[in-house]
PDB file of all heavy atoms in Angstrom:
ATOM      1  N   ASP A   1      24.991 -25.289-228.023  1.00  0.00           N
ATOM      2  CA  ASP A   1      24.041 -24.260-228.465  1.00  0.00           C
ATOM      3  C   ASP A   1      23.214 -24.709-229.681  1.00  0.00           C
ATOM      4  O   ASP A   1      22.973 -23.961-230.630  1.00  0.00           O
ATOM      5  CB  ASP A   1      24.771 -22.962-228.816  1.00  0.00           C
ATOM      6  CG  ASP A   1      25.402 -22.294-227.585  1.00  0.00           C
ATOM      7  OD1 ASP A   1      25.031 -22.648-226.450  1.00  0.00           O
ATOM      8  OD2 ASP A   1      26.288 -21.415-227.779  1.00  0.00           O
ATOM      9  N   GLY A   2      22.784 -25.974-229.607  1.00  0.00           N
ATOM     10  CA  GLY A   2      21.914 -26.489-230.668  1.00  0.00           C
ATOM     11  C   GLY A   2      22.647 -27.035-231.878  1.00  0.00           C
ATOM     12  O   GLY A   2      21.985 -27.618-232.751  1.00  0.00           O
ATOM     13  N   ALA A   3      23.951 -26.867-231.932  1.00  0.00           N
ATOM     14  CA  ALA A   3      24.714 -27.427-233.047  1.00  0.00           C
ATOM     15  C   ALA A   3      25.319 -28.787-232.610  1.00  0.00           C
ATOM     16  O   ALA A   3      26.184 -28.796-231.731  1.00  0.00           O
ATOM     17  CB  ALA A   3      25.802 -26.448-233.455  1.00  0.00           C
ATOM     18  N   ARG A   4      24.854 -29.837-233.198  1.00  0.00           N
ATOM     19  CA  ARG A   4      25.393 -31.149-232.854  1.00  0.00           C
ATOM     20  C   ARG A   4      26.428 -31.544-233.902  1.00  0.00           C
ATOM     21  O   ARG A   4      26.167 -31.642-235.074  1.00  0.00           O
ATOM     22  CB  ARG A   4      24.302 -32.252-232.785  1.00  0.00           C
ATOM     23  CG  ARG A   4      24.900 -33.631-232.511  1.00  0.00           C
ATOM     24  CD  ARG A   4      23.932 -34.591-231.896  1.00  0.00           C
ATOM     25  NE  ARG A   4      23.460 -34.202-230.583  1.00  0.00           N
ATOM     26  CZ  ARG A   4      24.130 -34.356-229.442  1.00  0.00           C
ATOM     27  NH1 ARG A   4      25.365 -34.849-229.498  1.00  0.00           N
ATOM     28  NH2 ARG A   4      23.637 -33.977-228.311  1.00  0.00           N
ATOM     29  N   ILE A   5      27.657 -31.800-233.404  1.00  0.00           N
ATOM     30  CA  ILE A   5      28.775 -32.161-234.257  1.00  0.00           C
ATOM     31  C   ILE A   5      28.934 -33.671-234.283  1.00  0.00           C
ATOM     32  O   ILE A   5      29.139 -34.277-235.331  1.00  0.00           O
ATOM     33  CB  ILE A   5      30.076 -31.495-233.776  1.00  0.00           C
ATOM     34  CG1 ILE A   5      29.888 -29.990-233.624  1.00  0.00           C
ATOM     35  CG2 ILE A   5      31.221 -31.788-234.740  1.00  0.00           C
ATOM     36  CD1 ILE A   5      29.451 -29.236-234.866  1.00  0.00           C
ATOM     37  N   LEU A   6      28.867 -34.305-233.105  1.00  0.00           N
ATOM     38  CA  LEU A   6      29.006 -35.753-232.950  1.00  0.00           C
ATOM     39  C   LEU A   6      27.997 -36.267-231.946  1.00  0.00           C
ATOM     40  O   LEU A   6      27.433 -35.477-231.138  1.00  0.00           O
ATOM     41  CB  LEU A   6      30.408 -36.110-232.530  1.00  0.00           C
ATOM     42  CG  LEU A   6      31.563 -35.865-233.518  1.00  0.00           C
ATOM     43  CD1 LEU A   6      32.892 -36.097-232.817  1.00  0.00           C
ATOM     44  CD2 LEU A   6      31.451 -36.739-234.748  1.00  0.00           C
ATOM     45  N   ALA A   7      27.755 -37.562-231.913  1.00  0.00           N
ATOM     46  CA  ALA A   7      26.913 -38.188-230.914  1.00  0.00           C
ATOM     47  C   ALA A   7      27.708 -38.418-229.644  1.00  0.00           C
ATOM     48  O   ALA A   7      28.925 -38.545-229.659  1.00  0.00           O
ATOM     49  CB  ALA A   7      26.395 -39.490-231.464  1.00  0.00           C
ATOM     50  N   PRO A   8      27.008 -38.484-228.486  1.00  0.00           N
ATOM     51  CA  PRO A   8      27.707 -38.726-227.221  1.00  0.00           C
ATOM     52  C   PRO A   8      28.562 -40.012-227.248  1.00  0.00           C
ATOM     53  O   PRO A   8      29.697 -40.015-226.702  1.00  0.00           O
ATOM     54  CB  PRO A   8      26.573 -38.823-226.208  1.00  0.00           C
ATOM     55  CG  PRO A   8      25.459 -38.009-226.797  1.00  0.00           C
ATOM     56  CD  PRO A   8      25.558 -38.241-228.267  1.00  0.00           C
ATOM     57  N   GLY A   9      28.055 -41.058-227.857  1.00  0.00           N
ATOM     58  CA  GLY A   9      28.817 -42.293-227.872  1.00  0.00           C
ATOM     59  C   GLY A   9      30.110 -42.176-228.676  1.00  0.00           C
ATOM     60  O   GLY A   9      31.094 -42.849-228.357  1.00  0.00           O
ATOM     61  N   THR A  10      30.106 -41.321-229.654  1.00  0.00           N
ATOM     62  CA  THR A  10      31.318 -41.114-230.479  1.00  0.00           C
ATOM     63  C   THR A  10      32.378 -40.389-229.634  1.00  0.00           C
ATOM     64  O   THR A  10      33.565 -40.744-229.694  1.00  0.00           O
ATOM     65  CB  THR A  10      30.978 -40.312-231.741  1.00  0.00           C
ATOM     66  OG1 THR A  10      29.923 -40.948-232.449  1.00  0.00           O
ATOM     67  CG2 THR A  10      32.193 -40.178-232.629  1.00  0.00           C
ATOM     68  N   ILE A  11      31.971 -39.410-228.852  1.00  0.00           N
ATOM     69  CA  ILE A  11      32.898 -38.711-227.993  1.00  0.00           C
ATOM     70  C   ILE A  11      33.466 -39.693-226.947  1.00  0.00           C
ATOM     71  O   ILE A  11      34.702 -39.706-226.679  1.00  0.00           O
ATOM     72  CB  ILE A  11      32.240 -37.538-227.262  1.00  0.00           C
ATOM     73  CG1 ILE A  11      31.641 -36.551-228.255  1.00  0.00           C
ATOM     74  CG2 ILE A  11      33.221 -36.848-226.324  1.00  0.00           C
ATOM     75  CD1 ILE A  11      32.661 -35.868-229.160  1.00  0.00           C
ATOM     76  N   GLU A  12      32.644 -40.544-226.399  1.00  0.00           N
ATOM     77  CA  GLU A  12      33.093 -41.536-225.447  1.00  0.00           C
ATOM     78  C   GLU A  12      34.112 -42.502-226.095  1.00  0.00           C
ATOM     79  O   GLU A  12      35.090 -42.859-225.462  1.00  0.00           O
ATOM     80  CB  GLU A  12      31.891 -42.332-224.893  1.00  0.00           C
ATOM     81  CG  GLU A  12      32.275 -43.311-223.781  1.00  0.00           C
ATOM     82  CD  GLU A  12      31.066 -44.006-223.206  1.00  0.00           C
ATOM     83  OE1 GLU A  12      29.921 -43.664-223.558  1.00  0.00           O
ATOM     84  OE2 GLU A  12      31.247 -44.924-222.395  1.00  0.00           O
ATOM     85  N   LEU A  13      33.876 -42.852-227.319  1.00  0.00           N
ATOM     86  CA  LEU A  13      34.782 -43.729-228.037  1.00  0.00           C
ATOM     87  C   LEU A  13      36.117 -43.067-228.208  1.00  0.00           C
ATOM     88  O   LEU A  13      37.190 -43.672-227.998  1.00  0.00           O
ATOM     89  CB  LEU A  13      34.206 -44.120-229.407  1.00  0.00           C
ATOM     90  CG  LEU A  13      35.074 -45.011-230.296  1.00  0.00           C
ATOM     91  CD1 LEU A  13      35.267 -46.384-229.650  1.00  0.00           C
ATOM     92  CD2 LEU A  13      34.430 -45.142-231.671  1.00  0.00           C
ATOM     93  N   MET A  14      36.135 -41.784-228.583  1.00  0.00           N
ATOM     94  CA  MET A  14      37.390 -41.037-228.776  1.00  0.00           C
ATOM     95  C   MET A  14      38.165 -40.926-227.480  1.00  0.00           C
ATOM     96  O   MET A  14      39.392 -40.980-227.487  1.00  0.00           O
ATOM     97  CB  MET A  14      37.104 -39.623-229.278  1.00  0.00           C
ATOM     98  CG  MET A  14      36.513 -39.551-230.673  1.00  0.00           C
ATOM     99  SD  MET A  14      36.340 -37.838-231.247  1.00  0.00           S
ATOM    100  CE  MET A  14      38.047 -37.426-231.590  1.00  0.00           C
ATOM    101  N   ALA A  15      37.448 -40.781-226.345  1.00  0.00           N
ATOM    102  CA  ALA A  15      38.095 -40.529-225.060  1.00  0.00           C
ATOM    103  C   ALA A  15      38.354 -41.819-224.288  1.00  0.00           C
ATOM    104  O   ALA A  15      38.659 -41.748-223.106  1.00  0.00           O
ATOM    105  CB  ALA A  15      37.220 -39.581-224.235  1.00  0.00           C
ATOM    106  N   SER A  16      38.260 -42.967-224.941  1.00  0.00           N
ATOM    107  CA  SER A  16      38.568 -44.239-224.312  1.00  0.00           C
ATOM    108  C   SER A  16      39.994 -44.650-224.684  1.00  0.00           C
ATOM    109  O   SER A  16      40.507 -44.283-225.754  1.00  0.00           O
ATOM    110  CB  SER A  16      37.597 -45.328-224.784  1.00  0.00           C
ATOM    111  OG  SER A  16      36.256 -45.021-224.413  1.00  0.00           O
ATOM    112  N   ASN A  17      40.610 -45.418-223.826  1.00  0.00           N
ATOM    113  CA  ASN A  17      41.966 -45.918-224.112  1.00  0.00           C
ATOM    114  C   ASN A  17      41.916 -46.955-225.233  1.00  0.00           C
ATOM    115  O   ASN A  17      41.218 -47.957-225.116  1.00  0.00           O
ATOM    116  CB  ASN A  17      42.601 -46.494-222.871  1.00  0.00           C
ATOM    117  CG  ASN A  17      43.964 -47.077-223.138  1.00  0.00           C
ATOM    118  OD1 ASN A  17      44.756 -46.501-223.903  1.00  0.00           O
ATOM    119  ND2 ASN A  17      44.286 -48.202-222.522  1.00  0.00           N
ATOM    120  N   HIS A  18      42.676 -46.732-226.304  1.00  0.00           N
ATOM    121  CA  HIS A  18      42.703 -47.670-227.432  1.00  0.00           C
ATOM    122  C   HIS A  18      44.037 -48.414-227.523  1.00  0.00           C
ATOM    123  O   HIS A  18      44.240 -49.192-228.483  1.00  0.00           O
ATOM    124  CB  HIS A  18      42.444 -46.918-228.737  1.00  0.00           C
ATOM    125  CG  HIS A  18      41.006 -46.539-228.937  1.00  0.00           C
ATOM    126  ND1 HIS A  18      40.145 -47.228-229.783  1.00  0.00           N
ATOM    127  CD2 HIS A  18      40.255 -45.566-228.368  1.00  0.00           C
ATOM    128  CE1 HIS A  18      38.929 -46.663-229.739  1.00  0.00           C
ATOM    129  NE2 HIS A  18      38.972 -45.672-228.912  1.00  0.00           N
ATOM    130  N   LEU A  19      44.924 -48.221-226.557  1.00  0.00           N
ATOM    131  CA  LEU A  19      46.222 -48.895-226.615  1.00  0.00           C
ATOM    132  C   LEU A  19      46.076 -50.358-226.172  1.00  0.00           C
ATOM    133  O   LEU A  19      45.405 -50.640-225.173  1.00  0.00           O
ATOM    134  CB  LEU A  19      47.243 -48.169-225.734  1.00  0.00           C
ATOM    135  CG  LEU A  19      47.495 -46.709-226.096  1.00  0.00           C
ATOM    136  CD1 LEU A  19      48.633 -46.167-225.206  1.00  0.00           C
ATOM    137  CD2 LEU A  19      47.861 -46.539-227.578  1.00  0.00           C
ATOM    138  N   THR A  20      46.723 -51.243-226.901  1.00  0.00           N
ATOM    139  CA  THR A  20      46.667 -52.665-226.543  1.00  0.00           C
ATOM    140  C   THR A  20      47.632 -52.949-225.373  1.00  0.00           C
ATOM    141  O   THR A  20      48.492 -52.140-225.040  1.00  0.00           O
ATOM    142  CB  THR A  20      47.092 -53.526-227.760  1.00  0.00           C
ATOM    143  OG1 THR A  20      48.463 -53.235-228.064  1.00  0.00           O
ATOM    144  CG2 THR A  20      46.212 -53.217-228.967  1.00  0.00           C
ATOM    145  N   ASP A  21      47.458 -54.102-224.805  1.00  0.00           N
ATOM    146  CA  ASP A  21      48.369 -54.553-223.730  1.00  0.00           C
ATOM    147  C   ASP A  21      49.810 -54.620-224.242  1.00  0.00           C
ATOM    148  O   ASP A  21      50.749 -54.302-223.525  1.00  0.00           O
ATOM    149  CB  ASP A  21      47.946 -55.918-223.194  1.00  0.00           C
ATOM    150  CG  ASP A  21      46.627 -55.871-222.450  1.00  0.00           C
ATOM    151  OD1 ASP A  21      46.199 -54.751-222.091  1.00  0.00           O
ATOM    152  OD2 ASP A  21      46.014 -56.942-222.261  1.00  0.00           O
ATOM    153  N   ILE A  22      49.988 -55.014-225.501  1.00  0.00           N
ATOM    154  CA  ILE A  22      51.320 -55.108-226.094  1.00  0.00           C
ATOM    155  C   ILE A  22      51.982 -53.711-226.124  1.00  0.00           C
ATOM    156  O   ILE A  22      53.125 -53.540-225.749  1.00  0.00           O
ATOM    157  CB  ILE A  22      51.237 -55.673-227.508  1.00  0.00           C
ATOM    158  CG1 ILE A  22      50.863 -57.170-227.438  1.00  0.00           C
ATOM    159  CG2 ILE A  22      52.580 -55.535-228.243  1.00  0.00           C
ATOM    160  CD1 ILE A  22      50.610 -57.782-228.818  1.00  0.00           C
ATOM    161  N   VAL A  23      51.228 -52.719-226.573  1.00  0.00           N
ATOM    162  CA  VAL A  23      51.782 -51.372-226.664  1.00  0.00           C
ATOM    163  C   VAL A  23      52.079 -50.830-225.265  1.00  0.00           C
ATOM    164  O   VAL A  23      53.147 -50.246-225.031  1.00  0.00           O
ATOM    165  CB  VAL A  23      50.795 -50.451-227.381  1.00  0.00           C
ATOM    166  CG1 VAL A  23      51.213 -48.973-227.277  1.00  0.00           C
ATOM    167  CG2 VAL A  23      50.657 -50.846-228.855  1.00  0.00           C
ATOM    168  N   MET A  24      51.183 -51.029-224.312  1.00  0.00           N
ATOM    169  CA  MET A  24      51.388 -50.485-222.971  1.00  0.00           C
ATOM    170  C   MET A  24      52.424 -51.219-222.177  1.00  0.00           C
ATOM    171  O   MET A  24      52.922 -50.702-221.182  1.00  0.00           O
ATOM    172  CB  MET A  24      50.046 -50.463-222.233  1.00  0.00           C
ATOM    173  CG  MET A  24      48.999 -49.599-222.920  1.00  0.00           C
ATOM    174  SD  MET A  24      47.444 -49.404-222.012  1.00  0.00           S
ATOM    175  CE  MET A  24      47.862 -48.100-220.854  1.00  0.00           C
ATOM    176  N   ALA A  25      52.796 -52.409-222.623  1.00  0.00           N
ATOM    177  CA  ALA A  25      53.820 -53.189-221.941  1.00  0.00           C
ATOM    178  C   ALA A  25      55.206 -53.022-222.603  1.00  0.00           C
ATOM    179  O   ALA A  25      56.201 -53.586-222.135  1.00  0.00           O
ATOM    180  CB  ALA A  25      53.468 -54.657-221.917  1.00  0.00           C
ATOM    181  N   ALA A  26      55.281 -52.216-223.674  1.00  0.00           N
ATOM    182  CA  ALA A  26      56.537 -52.040-224.375  1.00  0.00           C
ATOM    183  C   ALA A  26      57.565 -51.335-223.474  1.00  0.00           C
ATOM    184  O   ALA A  26      57.218 -50.548-222.616  1.00  0.00           O
ATOM    185  CB  ALA A  26      56.326 -51.224-225.662  1.00  0.00           C
ATOM    186  N   PRO A  27      58.856 -51.668-223.669  1.00  0.00           N
ATOM    187  CA  PRO A  27      59.884 -50.964-222.888  1.00  0.00           C
ATOM    188  C   PRO A  27      59.785 -49.435-223.103  1.00  0.00           C
ATOM    189  O   PRO A  27      59.572 -48.947-224.222  1.00  0.00           O
ATOM    190  CB  PRO A  27      61.197 -51.507-223.493  1.00  0.00           C
ATOM    191  CG  PRO A  27      60.815 -52.805-224.127  1.00  0.00           C
ATOM    192  CD  PRO A  27      59.406 -52.636-224.608  1.00  0.00           C
ATOM    193  N   ASP A  28      59.915 -48.705-221.985  1.00  0.00           N
ATOM    194  CA  ASP A  28      59.838 -47.242-222.028  1.00  0.00           C
ATOM    195  C   ASP A  28      58.520 -46.752-222.599  1.00  0.00           C
ATOM    196  O   ASP A  28      58.470 -45.696-223.274  1.00  0.00           O
ATOM    197  CB  ASP A  28      61.009 -46.678-222.817  1.00  0.00           C
ATOM    198  CG  ASP A  28      62.357 -47.060-222.245  1.00  0.00           C
ATOM    199  OD1 ASP A  28      62.486 -47.052-220.999  1.00  0.00           O
ATOM    200  OD2 ASP A  28      63.273 -47.336-223.042  1.00  0.00           O
ATOM    201  N   ALA A  29      57.433 -47.510-222.357  1.00  0.00           N
ATOM    202  CA  ALA A  29      56.131 -47.101-222.888  1.00  0.00           C
ATOM    203  C   ALA A  29      55.742 -45.726-222.371  1.00  0.00           C
ATOM    204  O   ALA A  29      55.858 -45.436-221.168  1.00  0.00           O
ATOM    205  CB  ALA A  29      55.068 -48.114-222.479  1.00  0.00           C
ATOM    206  N   ALA A  30      55.331 -44.851-223.281  1.00  0.00           N
ATOM    207  CA  ALA A  30      54.889 -43.526-222.904  1.00  0.00           C
ATOM    208  C   ALA A  30      53.599 -43.555-222.105  1.00  0.00           C
ATOM    209  O   ALA A  30      53.360 -42.721-221.219  1.00  0.00           O
ATOM    210  CB  ALA A  30      54.716 -42.643-224.153  1.00  0.00           C
TER     211      ALA A  30
END
C-alpha cells in the first residue's frame, strides 16, 4: 500500500538458503 520496507532483492536474499554444505551434511541435520 505504498509503504516500502525493503527492496525486492533483500527479500529474495532473506528467503534464500544460507546453510553451507558442511552444515547440511552434519549428522542428524535439521
